[in-house]
Structures are given as C-alpha cells and as structure tokens.
C-alpha cells in the first residue's frame, strides 16, 4: 500500500505580539522570526498513519509512506523530522515565490492530485483544515480531482481483512460512523483523541534522517505554470486582525466549594434549567 499524507506547517501566531501584525502592500505579514509548527489536524493525520503502517507490517504487501507538503525551503526541516520517525519519503512541491498560495485551495489541490497520479499512491490523508486560509476545501478538491471517494472528520483508521480494505471511524452529526472501505480513498482527518500528537524522534533517528535525501518537485514539473495556479475565483482585498474580545472573570471564595457554588448560581443554574 502506498500512502501519502499531506501536511502544512503554520506560524505559531500565539507568539506574536499585537505590534507584529503589520502587512505590506501584498498583504503579507512578516513571520520569518516566528516559530513554525505542524497544523494540528495534519499532526493527527501523520501520527495515525504511522500507527496504521505498524498494523500493515504483518501483511504481505509492503507499506510505503510519503509525507507531502507544498512549501518553500522552510518545509525541509519538518520533512526530515517525519523521515526520522518512520516516513519513507519526504516530498516538497515548490511553487514560484511570487504566487500567493495562502488562500488558493484550488491550486494546492491541483498540485497534490497531480503528484498522487504521477506516483500511484492509493490512500491520501489530509487534515481537515490548516492556516492561513482555514477553508476546509482542499481535501474535498483533491478527491474531486482524483475521482476517488472521500470521508471527512476521520478519527481512527485500522486495517480490515486485507491491505486494500480499511476500517474507518468518523464523526457525523454528533455520532460515530464505522465503515469498511476499499482503496483508493481520500481521508480527511478531524479531531482525533487517539492520535492527538506526533511522536518525537530519538537523536539516532535524527542523525540517520539527515543522510536521506528529500524530493523537491517544481510546479512546472507537474505541468502547472503560474497562470494555471493563479486563483481566479477570489482576490485578496484586505486583511484585519480579529479581536475575539474574550474577558476573564475571577470567582472569589475562600474554598473551592464556595467558588463552585458561585459558578453554579451565576452562570450554570439558568442554563441547566432551560
């Protein structure tokens, strides 16, 4: 089984102060000094895939894991991290730096699906959404390009009777749905309590991963030039920083019981009586 997990790295915006939120005439914010992290949904997808590959070890068909991202050179460190913890290949799709791909789900999905067709993976796993766009469209568009069935809000994947059959748990309308599916398939990862965090490599694994090369593929090698990738359905007009306006109320009380009673009387009693 050949599995591709698509991931995106994002800036840790919680580490930015209010004065750092300044953008230039192209609506780009300088985040070069900010630590970057895995998108949380993608992190769950990556960890779940590693657990799935462990189950596939006992089957006759070999399992081949590819970590795939659309990014510039900053993605290489994260690809090396994934190779260190068990992925066989680290692949980065490089676009023209002049293109703004932040809100271009059509362009990103086109790049991913073209690479998948070229390499012949039979299972594609993506996170539900990832900054900066948080559009939640990329996984569905990849499935549409490939012409494959798609399951959203996945929380767990295990091997069924054979290597081309999987048991997929997903959430739908507040309930848990369990399906047996046949590959090829696109899975879109939701909130997973079973695989919330990605494992950490050992020093030995990191050193071994440094010796393994990454695969860098340009958008033109996939048959897509700047005009084909340019977002024609939307134009970024302006940016503004959302202020959620959250406030904090401290509950006074000498003991935890007193504080709990005030919490119940002031905030919970009326809601529970509805």
C-alpha atoms as a PDB file:
ATOM      1  CA  UNK A   1       0.000   0.000   0.000  1.00  0.00           C
ATOM      2  CA  UNK A   2       1.319   3.422  -0.945  1.00  0.00           C
ATOM      3  CA  UNK A   3       0.118   6.147   1.425  1.00  0.00           C
ATOM      4  CA  UNK A   4       0.614   9.896   1.034  1.00  0.00           C
ATOM      5  CA  UNK A   5      -0.031  12.237   3.942  1.00  0.00           C
ATOM      6  CA  UNK A   6      -0.322  15.897   3.017  1.00  0.00           C
ATOM      7  CA  UNK A   7       0.600  18.387   5.707  1.00  0.00           C
ATOM      8  CA  UNK A   8       1.049  22.098   6.166  1.00  0.00           C
ATOM      9  CA  UNK A   9       3.269  23.985   8.561  1.00  0.00           C
ATOM     10  CA  UNK A  10       1.944  27.193  10.063  1.00  0.00           C
ATOM     11  CA  UNK A  11       3.323  30.052  12.098  1.00  0.00           C
ATOM     12  CA  UNK A  12       2.692  29.885  15.829  1.00  0.00           C
ATOM     13  CA  UNK A  13       0.680  33.088  15.883  1.00  0.00           C
ATOM     14  CA  UNK A  14       0.223  32.934  19.659  1.00  0.00           C
ATOM     15  CA  UNK A  15       3.854  34.015  19.950  1.00  0.00           C
ATOM     16  CA  UNK A  16       3.266  37.239  18.007  1.00  0.00           C
ATOM     17  CA  UNK A  17       2.583  40.489  19.817  1.00  0.00           C
ATOM     18  CA  UNK A  18      -0.026  42.959  18.654  1.00  0.00           C
ATOM     19  CA  UNK A  19       2.568  45.267  17.084  1.00  0.00           C
ATOM     20  CA  UNK A  20       3.859  42.384  14.933  1.00  0.00           C
ATOM     21  CA  UNK A  21       0.598  42.256  12.982  1.00  0.00           C
ATOM     22  CA  UNK A  22       1.638  44.583  10.172  1.00  0.00           C
ATOM     23  CA  UNK A  23       1.347  43.689   6.486  1.00  0.00           C
ATOM     24  CA  UNK A  24       2.905  45.056   3.352  1.00  0.00           C
ATOM     25  CA  UNK A  25       1.264  46.173   0.101  1.00  0.00           C
ATOM     26  CA  UNK A  26       0.877  42.498  -0.952  1.00  0.00           C
ATOM     27  CA  UNK A  27      -0.940  41.699   2.316  1.00  0.00           C
ATOM     28  CA  UNK A  28       1.950  39.566   3.581  1.00  0.00           C
ATOM     29  CA  UNK A  29       2.828  39.571   7.293  1.00  0.00           C
ATOM     30  CA  UNK A  30       6.466  39.096   8.267  1.00  0.00           C
ATOM     31  CA  UNK A  31       6.507  35.771  10.135  1.00  0.00           C
ATOM     32  CA  UNK A  32      10.141  34.896   9.426  1.00  0.00           C
ATOM     33  CA  UNK A  33      11.038  35.327  13.104  1.00  0.00           C
ATOM     34  CA  UNK A  34       8.130  33.215  14.414  1.00  0.00           C
ATOM     35  CA  UNK A  35       8.429  29.542  15.300  1.00  0.00           C
ATOM     36  CA  UNK A  36       6.605  27.251  12.843  1.00  0.00           C
ATOM     37  CA  UNK A  37       4.640  24.153  13.843  1.00  0.00           C
ATOM     38  CA  UNK A  38       2.571  21.385  12.273  1.00  0.00           C
ATOM     39  CA  UNK A  39      -1.080  22.191  11.707  1.00  0.00           C
ATOM     40  CA  UNK A  40      -2.943  20.276  14.443  1.00  0.00           C
ATOM     41  CA  UNK A  41      -5.186  18.272  12.087  1.00  0.00           C
ATOM     42  CA  UNK A  42      -2.218  17.294   9.930  1.00  0.00           C
ATOM     43  CA  UNK A  43      -0.280  16.285  13.031  1.00  0.00           C
ATOM     44  CA  UNK A  44      -3.051  13.824  13.927  1.00  0.00           C
ATOM     45  CA  UNK A  45      -3.114  12.522  10.346  1.00  0.00           C
ATOM     46  CA  UNK A  46       0.644  11.908  10.368  1.00  0.00           C
ATOM     47  CA  UNK A  47       0.614  10.078  13.703  1.00  0.00           C
ATOM     48  CA  UNK A  48      -2.412   7.990  12.748  1.00  0.00           C
ATOM     49  CA  UNK A  49      -0.656   6.945   9.533  1.00  0.00           C
ATOM     50  CA  UNK A  50       2.399   5.759  11.452  1.00  0.00           C
ATOM     51  CA  UNK A  51       0.132   3.610  13.649  1.00  0.00           C
ATOM     52  CA  UNK A  52      -1.617   2.246  10.554  1.00  0.00           C
ATOM     53  CA  UNK A  53       1.723   1.333   8.958  1.00  0.00           C
ATOM     54  CA  UNK A  54       2.594  -0.697  12.055  1.00  0.00           C
ATOM     55  CA  UNK A  55      -0.521  -2.813  11.508  1.00  0.00           C
ATOM     56  CA  UNK A  56       0.350  -3.289   7.842  1.00  0.00           C
ATOM     57  CA  UNK A  57       3.756  -4.798   8.683  1.00  0.00           C
ATOM     58  CA  UNK A  58       2.176  -8.240   9.125  1.00  0.00           C
ATOM     59  CA  UNK A  59       0.584  -8.218   5.663  1.00  0.00           C
ATOM     60  CA  UNK A  60       2.371  -9.468   2.514  1.00  0.00           C
ATOM     61  CA  UNK A  61       2.081  -6.165   0.623  1.00  0.00           C
ATOM     62  CA  UNK A  62       4.754  -3.653   1.720  1.00  0.00           C
ATOM     63  CA  UNK A  63       3.649  -0.260   3.049  1.00  0.00           C
ATOM     64  CA  UNK A  64       5.287   2.872   1.652  1.00  0.00           C
ATOM     65  CA  UNK A  65       4.761   6.193   3.439  1.00  0.00           C
ATOM     66  CA  UNK A  66       5.208   9.582   1.774  1.00  0.00           C
ATOM     67  CA  UNK A  67       5.000  12.913   3.588  1.00  0.00           C
ATOM     68  CA  UNK A  68       3.977  15.631   1.120  1.00  0.00           C
ATOM     69  CA  UNK A  69       3.876  19.407   1.533  1.00  0.00           C
ATOM     70  CA  UNK A  70       3.552  22.441  -0.721  1.00  0.00           C
ATOM     71  CA  UNK A  71       6.056  24.918   0.682  1.00  0.00           C
ATOM     72  CA  UNK A  72       9.423  26.612   0.305  1.00  0.00           C
ATOM     73  CA  UNK A  73      12.716  25.598   1.961  1.00  0.00           C
ATOM     74  CA  UNK A  74      11.297  26.019   5.479  1.00  0.00           C
ATOM     75  CA  UNK A  75       9.398  22.759   4.955  1.00  0.00           C
ATOM     76  CA  UNK A  76      12.601  20.711   4.638  1.00  0.00           C
ATOM     77  CA  UNK A  77      13.261  20.584   8.388  1.00  0.00           C
ATOM     78  CA  UNK A  78       9.773  19.203   9.001  1.00  0.00           C
ATOM     79  CA  UNK A  79      10.188  16.622   6.243  1.00  0.00           C
ATOM     80  CA  UNK A  80      13.431  15.439   7.862  1.00  0.00           C
ATOM     81  CA  UNK A  81      11.577  15.150  11.160  1.00  0.00           C
ATOM     82  CA  UNK A  82       8.966  12.901   9.518  1.00  0.00           C
ATOM     83  CA  UNK A  83      11.607  10.716   7.874  1.00  0.00           C
ATOM     84  CA  UNK A  84      13.248  10.330  11.285  1.00  0.00           C
ATOM     85  CA  UNK A  85      10.065   8.941  12.859  1.00  0.00           C
ATOM     86  CA  UNK A  86       9.256   6.471  10.102  1.00  0.00           C
ATOM     87  CA  UNK A  87       8.195   8.009   6.792  1.00  0.00           C
ATOM     88  CA  UNK A  88       9.964   6.541   3.765  1.00  0.00           C
ATOM     89  CA  UNK A  89       9.891   9.646   1.552  1.00  0.00           C
ATOM     90  CA  UNK A  90       9.780  13.379   2.166  1.00  0.00           C
ATOM     91  CA  UNK A  91       8.429  15.351  -0.799  1.00  0.00           C
ATOM     92  CA  UNK A  92       8.108  19.098  -1.182  1.00  0.00           C
ATOM     93  CA  UNK A  93       6.310  20.775  -4.062  1.00  0.00           C
ATOM     94  CA  UNK A  94       7.932  24.134  -4.827  1.00  0.00           C
ATOM     95  CA  UNK A  95       5.932  26.960  -6.403  1.00  0.00           C
ATOM     96  CA  UNK A  96       7.019  30.312  -7.753  1.00  0.00           C
ATOM     97  CA  UNK A  97       7.641  32.557  -4.752  1.00  0.00           C
ATOM     98  CA  UNK A  98       5.730  35.367  -6.421  1.00  0.00           C
ATOM     99  CA  UNK A  99       2.478  33.383  -6.201  1.00  0.00           C
ATOM    100  CA  UNK A 100       0.264  33.821  -3.152  1.00  0.00           C
ATOM    101  CA  UNK A 101      -0.959  30.297  -2.324  1.00  0.00           C
ATOM    102  CA  UNK A 102      -2.305  31.092   1.143  1.00  0.00           C
ATOM    103  CA  UNK A 103      -5.984  31.118   0.161  1.00  0.00           C
ATOM    104  CA  UNK A 104      -5.679  29.140  -3.068  1.00  0.00           C
ATOM    105  CA  UNK A 105      -7.231  25.766  -2.245  1.00  0.00           C
ATOM    106  CA  UNK A 106      -7.868  25.037  -5.951  1.00  0.00           C
ATOM    107  CA  UNK A 107      -4.199  25.487  -6.834  1.00  0.00           C
ATOM    108  CA  UNK A 108      -2.948  23.454  -3.854  1.00  0.00           C
ATOM    109  CA  UNK A 109      -5.357  20.581  -4.529  1.00  0.00           C
ATOM    110  CA  UNK A 110      -4.366  20.540  -8.204  1.00  0.00           C
ATOM    111  CA  UNK A 111      -0.679  20.216  -7.293  1.00  0.00           C
ATOM    112  CA  UNK A 112      -1.359  17.433  -4.782  1.00  0.00           C
ATOM    113  CA  UNK A 113      -3.597  15.408  -7.074  1.00  0.00           C
ATOM    114  CA  UNK A 114      -1.141  15.632  -9.978  1.00  0.00           C
ATOM    115  CA  UNK A 115       1.662  14.316  -7.796  1.00  0.00           C
ATOM    116  CA  UNK A 116      -0.559  11.485  -6.489  1.00  0.00           C
ATOM    117  CA  UNK A 117      -1.462  10.416 -10.020  1.00  0.00           C
ATOM    118  CA  UNK A 118       2.193  10.527 -11.039  1.00  0.00           C
ATOM    119  CA  UNK A 119       3.423   8.400  -8.117  1.00  0.00           C
ATOM    120  CA  UNK A 120       0.483   5.997  -7.859  1.00  0.00           C
ATOM    121  CA  UNK A 121      -0.496   6.286  -4.191  1.00  0.00           C
ATOM    122  CA  UNK A 122      -3.758   4.538  -3.283  1.00  0.00           C
ATOM    123  CA  UNK A 123      -4.510   6.303   0.001  1.00  0.00           C
ATOM    124  CA  UNK A 124      -4.300  10.063   0.595  1.00  0.00           C
ATOM    125  CA  UNK A 125      -4.767  11.521   4.076  1.00  0.00           C
ATOM    126  CA  UNK A 126      -5.085  15.239   4.857  1.00  0.00           C
ATOM    127  CA  UNK A 127      -6.007  17.349   7.843  1.00  0.00           C
ATOM    128  CA  UNK A 128      -9.448  18.950   7.856  1.00  0.00           C
ATOM    129  CA  UNK A 129      -8.098  22.474   7.512  1.00  0.00           C
ATOM    130  CA  UNK A 130      -4.961  24.492   8.081  1.00  0.00           C
ATOM    131  CA  UNK A 131      -3.976  28.150   8.372  1.00  0.00           C
ATOM    132  CA  UNK A 132      -3.721  30.632   6.919  1.00  0.00           C
ATOM    133  CA  UNK A 133      -6.851  30.058   4.865  1.00  0.00           C
ATOM    134  CA  UNK A 134      -8.667  27.545   7.114  1.00  0.00           C
ATOM    135  CA  UNK A 135     -11.007  26.936   4.178  1.00  0.00           C
ATOM    136  CA  UNK A 136     -11.648  23.220   4.764  1.00  0.00           C
ATOM    137  CA  UNK A 137     -11.854  22.665   0.993  1.00  0.00           C
ATOM    138  CA  UNK A 138      -8.503  21.179  -0.021  1.00  0.00           C
ATOM    139  CA  UNK A 139      -9.233  17.553   0.875  1.00  0.00           C
ATOM    140  CA  UNK A 140     -12.548  17.536  -0.961  1.00  0.00           C
ATOM    141  CA  UNK A 141     -10.999  19.158  -4.029  1.00  0.00           C
ATOM    142  CA  UNK A 142      -8.179  16.569  -4.073  1.00  0.00           C
ATOM    143  CA  UNK A 143     -10.806  13.797  -4.044  1.00  0.00           C
ATOM    144  CA  UNK A 144     -12.678  15.531  -6.859  1.00  0.00           C
ATOM    145  CA  UNK A 145      -9.539  15.859  -8.993  1.00  0.00           C
ATOM    146  CA  UNK A 146      -8.664  12.197  -8.437  1.00  0.00           C
ATOM    147  CA  UNK A 147     -12.219  10.951  -8.826  1.00  0.00           C
ATOM    148  CA  UNK A 148     -11.931   8.997  -5.546  1.00  0.00           C
ATOM    149  CA  UNK A 149     -14.428   8.602  -2.689  1.00  0.00           C
ATOM    150  CA  UNK A 150     -13.786  10.740   0.369  1.00  0.00           C
ATOM    151  CA  UNK A 151     -14.581  10.501   4.085  1.00  0.00           C
ATOM    152  CA  UNK A 152     -14.419  13.583   6.308  1.00  0.00           C
ATOM    153  CA  UNK A 153     -13.999  14.044  10.076  1.00  0.00           C
ATOM    154  CA  UNK A 154     -11.987  10.814  10.373  1.00  0.00           C
ATOM    155  CA  UNK A 155     -10.875   9.954  13.916  1.00  0.00           C
ATOM    156  CA  UNK A 156      -9.344   6.468  13.508  1.00  0.00           C
ATOM    157  CA  UNK A 157      -8.190   4.107  10.748  1.00  0.00           C
ATOM    158  CA  UNK A 158      -7.324   0.430  11.154  1.00  0.00           C
ATOM    159  CA  UNK A 159      -6.675  -2.487   8.816  1.00  0.00           C
ATOM    160  CA  UNK A 160      -9.664  -4.676   7.955  1.00  0.00           C
ATOM    161  CA  UNK A 161      -9.474  -8.099   6.284  1.00  0.00           C
ATOM    162  CA  UNK A 162      -6.805  -7.249   3.700  1.00  0.00           C
ATOM    163  CA  UNK A 163      -4.339  -4.487   2.801  1.00  0.00           C
ATOM    164  CA  UNK A 164      -6.780  -2.827   0.383  1.00  0.00           C
ATOM    165  CA  UNK A 165      -9.609  -2.765   2.947  1.00  0.00           C
ATOM    166  CA  UNK A 166      -9.689  -0.345   5.868  1.00  0.00           C
ATOM    167  CA  UNK A 167     -11.997   0.215   8.814  1.00  0.00           C
ATOM    168  CA  UNK A 168     -12.577   3.947   9.132  1.00  0.00           C
ATOM    169  CA  UNK A 169     -14.179   5.684  12.104  1.00  0.00           C
ATOM    170  CA  UNK A 170     -15.555   9.164  11.513  1.00  0.00           C
ATOM    171  CA  UNK A 171     -17.884  11.626  13.194  1.00  0.00           C
ATOM    172  CA  UNK A 172     -21.081  12.738  11.536  1.00  0.00           C
ATOM    173  CA  UNK A 173     -23.872  14.789  13.131  1.00  0.00           C
ATOM    174  CA  UNK A 174     -22.576  14.070  16.618  1.00  0.00           C
ATOM    175  CA  UNK A 175     -22.472  10.293  16.121  1.00  0.00           C
ATOM    176  CA  UNK A 176     -19.614   7.901  15.320  1.00  0.00           C
ATOM    177  CA  UNK A 177     -19.795   6.128  11.966  1.00  0.00           C
ATOM    178  CA  UNK A 178     -17.738   2.975  11.288  1.00  0.00           C
ATOM    179  CA  UNK A 179     -17.225   1.968   7.651  1.00  0.00           C
ATOM    180  CA  UNK A 180     -15.250  -0.678   5.794  1.00  0.00           C
ATOM    181  CA  UNK A 181     -13.833   0.980   2.695  1.00  0.00           C
ATOM    182  CA  UNK A 182     -11.916  -0.227  -0.329  1.00  0.00           C
ATOM    183  CA  UNK A 183      -8.975   1.721  -1.747  1.00  0.00           C
ATOM    184  CA  UNK A 184      -8.305   4.099  -3.446  1.00  0.00           C
ATOM    185  CA  UNK A 185      -9.617   6.629  -0.966  1.00  0.00           C
ATOM    186  CA  UNK A 186      -9.128  10.158   0.370  1.00  0.00           C
ATOM    187  CA  UNK A 187      -9.451  10.567   4.147  1.00  0.00           C
ATOM    188  CA  UNK A 188      -9.832  13.949   5.842  1.00  0.00           C
ATOM    189  CA  UNK A 189      -8.687  13.939   9.457  1.00  0.00           C
ATOM    190  CA  UNK A 190     -10.749  15.621  12.154  1.00  0.00           C
ATOM    191  CA  UNK A 191     -10.187  15.855  15.921  1.00  0.00           C
ATOM    192  CA  UNK A 192      -8.628  12.558  16.968  1.00  0.00           C
ATOM    193  CA  UNK A 193      -8.314  11.688  20.645  1.00  0.00           C
ATOM    194  CA  UNK A 194      -6.420   8.528  19.706  1.00  0.00           C
ATOM    195  CA  UNK A 195      -3.643  10.368  17.808  1.00  0.00           C
ATOM    196  CA  UNK A 196      -3.563  13.979  19.018  1.00  0.00           C
ATOM    197  CA  UNK A 197       0.215  14.488  18.887  1.00  0.00           C
ATOM    198  CA  UNK A 198       3.096  13.445  16.681  1.00  0.00           C
ATOM    199  CA  UNK A 199       5.813  11.286  18.220  1.00  0.00           C
ATOM    200  CA  UNK A 200       9.293  12.695  18.863  1.00  0.00           C
ATOM    201  CA  UNK A 201      12.355  11.142  17.159  1.00  0.00           C
ATOM    202  CA  UNK A 202      15.420   9.992  19.050  1.00  0.00           C
ATOM    203  CA  UNK A 203      18.836  11.544  18.420  1.00  0.00           C
ATOM    204  CA  UNK A 204      19.899   8.446  16.467  1.00  0.00           C
ATOM    205  CA  UNK A 205      16.814   8.681  14.269  1.00  0.00           C
ATOM    206  CA  UNK A 206      17.531  12.360  13.584  1.00  0.00           C
ATOM    207  CA  UNK A 207      21.125  11.627  12.548  1.00  0.00           C
ATOM    208  CA  UNK A 208      20.015   8.830  10.221  1.00  0.00           C
ATOM    209  CA  UNK A 209      17.359  11.057   8.657  1.00  0.00           C
ATOM    210  CA  UNK A 210      19.982  13.700   7.792  1.00  0.00           C
ATOM    211  CA  UNK A 211      21.593  11.236   5.379  1.00  0.00           C
ATOM    212  CA  UNK A 212      18.387  10.616   3.434  1.00  0.00           C
ATOM    213  CA  UNK A 213      17.627  12.967   0.526  1.00  0.00           C
ATOM    214  CA  UNK A 214      14.387  14.857   0.075  1.00  0.00           C
ATOM    215  CA  UNK A 215      12.462  15.013  -3.187  1.00  0.00           C
ATOM    216  CA  UNK A 216      11.817  18.535  -4.472  1.00  0.00           C
ATOM    217  CA  UNK A 217       9.284  18.815  -7.290  1.00  0.00           C
ATOM    218  CA  UNK A 218       8.531  22.099  -9.038  1.00  0.00           C
ATOM    219  CA  UNK A 219       5.021  23.029 -10.101  1.00  0.00           C
ATOM    220  CA  UNK A 220       6.190  23.151 -13.735  1.00  0.00           C
ATOM    221  CA  UNK A 221       7.352  19.518 -13.480  1.00  0.00           C
ATOM    222  CA  UNK A 222       3.755  18.681 -12.606  1.00  0.00           C
ATOM    223  CA  UNK A 223       2.539  20.517 -15.697  1.00  0.00           C
ATOM    224  CA  UNK A 224       1.214  23.616 -13.916  1.00  0.00           C
ATOM    225  CA  UNK A 225       2.559  27.081 -14.693  1.00  0.00           C
ATOM    226  CA  UNK A 226       1.826  30.302 -12.800  1.00  0.00           C
ATOM    227  CA  UNK A 227      -1.218  31.078 -14.896  1.00  0.00           C
ATOM    228  CA  UNK A 228      -2.771  27.662 -14.157  1.00  0.00           C
ATOM    229  CA  UNK A 229      -2.129  28.068 -10.419  1.00  0.00           C
ATOM    230  CA  UNK A 230      -3.321  31.652 -10.152  1.00  0.00           C
ATOM    231  CA  UNK A 231      -6.515  31.899  -8.101  1.00  0.00           C
ATOM    232  CA  UNK A 232      -9.196  33.131 -10.472  1.00  0.00           C
ATOM    233  CA  UNK A 233     -12.191  32.709  -8.163  1.00  0.00           C
ATOM    234  CA  UNK A 234     -11.078  35.056  -5.384  1.00  0.00           C
ATOM    235  CA  UNK A 235      -8.957  38.162  -4.878  1.00  0.00           C
ATOM    236  CA  UNK A 236      -7.490  39.222  -1.545  1.00  0.00           C
ATOM    237  CA  UNK A 237      -8.645  42.781  -0.941  1.00  0.00           C
ATOM    238  CA  UNK A 238      -7.791  43.461   2.685  1.00  0.00           C
ATOM    239  CA  UNK A 239      -6.660  41.924   5.974  1.00  0.00           C
ATOM    240  CA  UNK A 240      -7.656  42.723   9.508  1.00  0.00           C
ATOM    241  CA  UNK A 241      -6.751  41.188  12.843  1.00  0.00           C
ATOM    242  CA  UNK A 242      -9.749  39.636  14.541  1.00  0.00           C
ATOM    243  CA  UNK A 243     -10.159  40.579  18.187  1.00  0.00           C
ATOM    244  CA  UNK A 244     -12.258  37.922  19.914  1.00  0.00           C
ATOM    245  CA  UNK A 245     -12.929  40.216  22.843  1.00  0.00           C
ATOM    246  CA  UNK A 246     -12.538  37.483  25.433  1.00  0.00           C
ATOM    247  CA  UNK A 247     -12.744  38.501  29.060  1.00  0.00           C
ATOM    248  CA  UNK A 248     -11.874  36.704  32.256  1.00  0.00           C
ATOM    249  CA  UNK A 249     -13.945  36.677  35.443  1.00  0.00           C
ATOM    250  CA  UNK A 250     -12.315  35.603  38.711  1.00  0.00           C
ATOM    251  CA  UNK A 251     -14.573  33.755  41.130  1.00  0.00           C
ATOM    252  CA  UNK A 252     -13.963  34.897  44.686  1.00  0.00           C
ATOM    253  CA  UNK A 253     -14.198  32.434  47.555  1.00  0.00           C
ATOM    254  CA  UNK A 254     -12.193  31.081  50.432  1.00  0.00           C
ATOM    255  CA  UNK A 255     -12.642  27.441  49.362  1.00  0.00           C
ATOM    256  CA  UNK A 256     -13.164  25.535  46.135  1.00  0.00           C
ATOM    257  CA  UNK A 257     -16.695  24.701  47.285  1.00  0.00           C
ATOM    258  CA  UNK A 258     -17.569  28.402  47.617  1.00  0.00           C
ATOM    259  CA  UNK A 259     -16.164  29.133  44.160  1.00  0.00           C
ATOM    260  CA  UNK A 260     -18.063  26.190  42.655  1.00  0.00           C
ATOM    261  CA  UNK A 261     -21.327  27.419  44.219  1.00  0.00           C
ATOM    262  CA  UNK A 262     -20.826  30.911  42.776  1.00  0.00           C
ATOM    263  CA  UNK A 263     -20.096  29.373  39.366  1.00  0.00           C
ATOM    264  CA  UNK A 264     -23.332  27.380  39.561  1.00  0.00           C
ATOM    265  CA  UNK A 265     -25.504  30.231  40.870  1.00  0.00           C
ATOM    266  CA  UNK A 266     -24.260  32.913  38.445  1.00  0.00           C
ATOM    267  CA  UNK A 267     -23.542  31.018  35.230  1.00  0.00           C
ATOM    268  CA  UNK A 268     -24.830  27.430  35.193  1.00  0.00           C
ATOM    269  CA  UNK A 269     -28.139  27.365  37.089  1.00  0.00           C
ATOM    270  CA  UNK A 270     -30.145  29.241  34.462  1.00  0.00           C
ATOM    271  CA  UNK A 271     -28.669  27.265  31.580  1.00  0.00           C
ATOM    272  CA  UNK A 272     -29.348  23.902  33.209  1.00  0.00           C
ATOM    273  CA  UNK A 273     -32.959  24.841  33.957  1.00  0.00           C
ATOM    274  CA  UNK A 274     -33.733  25.531  30.269  1.00  0.00           C
END
